[in-house]
């Protein structure tokens, strides 16, 4: 799996700058994270690779 192990981030209120701090704290080690009470966030070098990462994450979650 290209996205690797998906880290679950704790819940923070929408718009809270703490979410940015949590994601930056990963230092680029994750291509995908799961936000508690929300859903996945994926990243890629470009839109195409981010799309494929999201598609792969969805397929492996089924």
N, C-alpha and C. Protein backbone atom coordinates (compact mmCIF):
# COMPACT_ATOMS: atom_id res chain seq x y z
N UNK A 1 0.85 -1.18 0.00
CA UNK A 1 0.00 0.00 0.00
C UNK A 1 0.90 1.24 0.00
N UNK A 2 0.65 2.14 -0.92
CA UNK A 2 1.48 3.33 -1.04
C UNK A 2 1.32 4.30 0.12
N UNK A 3 0.13 4.39 0.69
CA UNK A 3 -0.07 5.38 1.75
C UNK A 3 0.51 4.92 3.08
N UNK A 4 0.84 3.65 3.20
CA UNK A 4 1.43 3.15 4.44
C UNK A 4 0.42 3.10 5.58
N UNK A 5 0.93 3.03 6.78
CA UNK A 5 0.07 2.99 7.96
C UNK A 5 -0.57 4.36 8.16
N UNK A 6 -1.88 4.36 8.36
CA UNK A 6 -2.64 5.60 8.50
C UNK A 6 -2.74 5.96 9.98
N UNK A 7 -2.25 7.14 10.32
CA UNK A 7 -2.27 7.59 11.72
C UNK A 7 -3.61 8.26 12.03
N UNK A 8 -4.16 7.96 13.19
CA UNK A 8 -5.39 8.58 13.67
C UNK A 8 -5.02 9.79 14.53
N UNK A 9 -5.48 10.96 14.10
CA UNK A 9 -5.21 12.18 14.86
C UNK A 9 -6.39 12.47 15.79
N UNK A 10 -6.13 13.01 16.96
CA UNK A 10 -7.21 13.30 17.91
C UNK A 10 -8.14 14.39 17.39
N UNK A 11 -9.33 14.44 17.95
CA UNK A 11 -10.32 15.43 17.54
C UNK A 11 -9.92 16.82 18.03
N UNK A 12 -10.03 17.78 17.13
CA UNK A 12 -9.95 19.19 17.49
C UNK A 12 -11.09 19.89 16.76
N UNK A 13 -11.54 20.98 17.30
CA UNK A 13 -12.66 21.70 16.69
C UNK A 13 -12.27 22.23 15.31
N UNK A 14 -13.23 22.26 14.38
CA UNK A 14 -12.94 22.79 13.05
C UNK A 14 -12.36 24.21 13.12
N UNK A 15 -11.32 24.43 12.36
CA UNK A 15 -10.67 25.74 12.33
C UNK A 15 -9.63 25.96 13.41
N UNK A 16 -9.49 25.02 14.32
CA UNK A 16 -8.51 25.15 15.40
C UNK A 16 -7.10 25.01 14.82
N UNK A 17 -6.22 25.97 15.06
CA UNK A 17 -4.85 25.88 14.55
C UNK A 17 -4.09 24.66 15.07
N UNK A 18 -4.57 24.04 16.11
CA UNK A 18 -3.91 22.85 16.65
C UNK A 18 -3.86 21.72 15.62
N UNK A 19 -4.85 21.66 14.70
CA UNK A 19 -4.83 20.61 13.69
C UNK A 19 -3.61 20.78 12.79
N UNK A 20 -3.31 21.99 12.40
CA UNK A 20 -2.11 22.23 11.60
C UNK A 20 -0.86 21.81 12.33
N UNK A 21 -0.83 22.08 13.63
CA UNK A 21 0.32 21.68 14.44
C UNK A 21 0.46 20.16 14.48
N UNK A 22 -0.67 19.46 14.60
CA UNK A 22 -0.64 17.99 14.62
C UNK A 22 -0.11 17.43 13.30
N UNK A 23 -0.58 17.98 12.21
CA UNK A 23 -0.15 17.49 10.89
C UNK A 23 1.32 17.85 10.64
N UNK A 24 1.71 19.07 10.97
CA UNK A 24 3.12 19.45 10.81
C UNK A 24 4.03 18.60 11.68
N UNK A 25 3.52 18.19 12.84
CA UNK A 25 4.30 17.35 13.74
C UNK A 25 4.66 15.99 13.15
N UNK A 26 3.93 15.56 12.13
CA UNK A 26 4.25 14.30 11.46
C UNK A 26 5.48 14.43 10.56
N UNK A 27 5.86 15.65 10.25
CA UNK A 27 7.07 15.95 9.46
C UNK A 27 7.13 15.20 8.14
N UNK A 28 5.97 15.09 7.49
CA UNK A 28 5.95 14.46 6.17
C UNK A 28 6.09 12.96 6.17
N UNK A 29 5.97 12.31 7.33
CA UNK A 29 6.15 10.86 7.40
C UNK A 29 4.90 10.10 6.99
N UNK A 30 3.78 10.78 6.81
CA UNK A 30 2.53 10.09 6.46
C UNK A 30 1.94 10.71 5.19
N UNK A 31 1.48 9.83 4.29
CA UNK A 31 0.79 10.30 3.08
C UNK A 31 -0.70 10.47 3.34
N UNK A 32 -1.17 9.86 4.43
CA UNK A 32 -2.59 9.94 4.76
C UNK A 32 -2.75 9.92 6.28
N UNK A 33 -3.72 10.66 6.76
CA UNK A 33 -4.09 10.63 8.17
C UNK A 33 -5.61 10.55 8.25
N UNK A 34 -6.09 10.07 9.37
CA UNK A 34 -7.52 10.01 9.62
C UNK A 34 -7.82 10.96 10.76
N UNK A 35 -8.70 11.91 10.52
CA UNK A 35 -9.08 12.87 11.54
C UNK A 35 -10.23 12.29 12.35
N UNK A 36 -10.07 12.18 13.65
CA UNK A 36 -11.14 11.66 14.51
C UNK A 36 -12.41 12.47 14.30
N UNK A 37 -13.54 11.78 14.21
CA UNK A 37 -14.86 12.39 14.03
C UNK A 37 -14.99 13.15 12.71
N UNK A 38 -14.11 12.89 11.75
CA UNK A 38 -14.18 13.63 10.49
C UNK A 38 -13.93 12.70 9.32
N UNK A 39 -12.71 12.45 8.97
CA UNK A 39 -12.41 11.62 7.83
C UNK A 39 -10.95 11.72 7.44
N UNK A 40 -10.62 11.16 6.26
CA UNK A 40 -9.23 11.11 5.85
C UNK A 40 -8.75 12.41 5.21
N UNK A 41 -7.45 12.63 5.31
CA UNK A 41 -6.75 13.68 4.59
C UNK A 41 -5.56 13.00 3.94
N UNK A 42 -5.40 13.19 2.63
CA UNK A 42 -4.28 12.58 1.92
C UNK A 42 -3.41 13.67 1.31
N UNK A 43 -2.19 13.30 1.00
CA UNK A 43 -1.25 14.23 0.38
C UNK A 43 -0.51 13.52 -0.74
N UNK A 44 0.01 14.31 -1.65
CA UNK A 44 0.80 13.76 -2.74
C UNK A 44 1.65 14.84 -3.35
N UNK A 45 2.60 14.43 -4.17
CA UNK A 45 3.49 15.37 -4.84
C UNK A 45 2.72 16.27 -5.80
N UNK A 46 1.60 15.76 -6.31
CA UNK A 46 0.75 16.53 -7.22
C UNK A 46 -0.69 16.03 -7.05
N UNK A 47 -1.61 16.67 -7.72
CA UNK A 47 -3.03 16.31 -7.58
C UNK A 47 -3.29 14.87 -7.96
N UNK A 48 -2.66 14.41 -9.02
CA UNK A 48 -2.86 13.03 -9.49
C UNK A 48 -2.44 12.02 -8.42
N UNK A 49 -1.26 12.20 -7.84
CA UNK A 49 -0.80 11.24 -6.83
C UNK A 49 -1.65 11.32 -5.56
N UNK A 50 -2.13 12.50 -5.20
CA UNK A 50 -3.02 12.62 -4.05
C UNK A 50 -4.34 11.91 -4.32
N UNK A 51 -4.85 12.03 -5.55
CA UNK A 51 -6.09 11.34 -5.93
C UNK A 51 -5.90 9.83 -5.82
N UNK A 52 -4.80 9.31 -6.35
CA UNK A 52 -4.56 7.87 -6.29
C UNK A 52 -4.38 7.40 -4.84
N UNK A 53 -3.77 8.22 -4.00
CA UNK A 53 -3.62 7.86 -2.59
C UNK A 53 -4.99 7.78 -1.92
N UNK A 54 -5.88 8.73 -2.23
CA UNK A 54 -7.24 8.71 -1.66
C UNK A 54 -8.00 7.49 -2.16
N UNK A 55 -7.86 7.18 -3.44
CA UNK A 55 -8.54 6.01 -4.01
C UNK A 55 -8.05 4.73 -3.36
N UNK A 56 -6.73 4.61 -3.19
CA UNK A 56 -6.16 3.42 -2.56
C UNK A 56 -6.61 3.28 -1.11
N UNK A 57 -6.64 4.40 -0.39
CA UNK A 57 -7.08 4.37 0.99
C UNK A 57 -8.53 3.87 1.08
N UNK A 58 -9.38 4.37 0.20
CA UNK A 58 -10.78 3.95 0.20
C UNK A 58 -10.91 2.46 -0.14
N UNK A 59 -10.16 1.99 -1.12
CA UNK A 59 -10.23 0.59 -1.51
C UNK A 59 -9.77 -0.34 -0.40
N UNK A 60 -8.70 0.02 0.29
CA UNK A 60 -8.17 -0.86 1.33
C UNK A 60 -9.01 -0.79 2.61
N UNK A 61 -9.81 0.25 2.77
CA UNK A 61 -10.65 0.37 3.96
C UNK A 61 -11.90 -0.49 3.87
N UNK A 62 -12.25 -0.90 2.67
CA UNK A 62 -13.46 -1.73 2.50
C UNK A 62 -13.28 -3.13 2.97
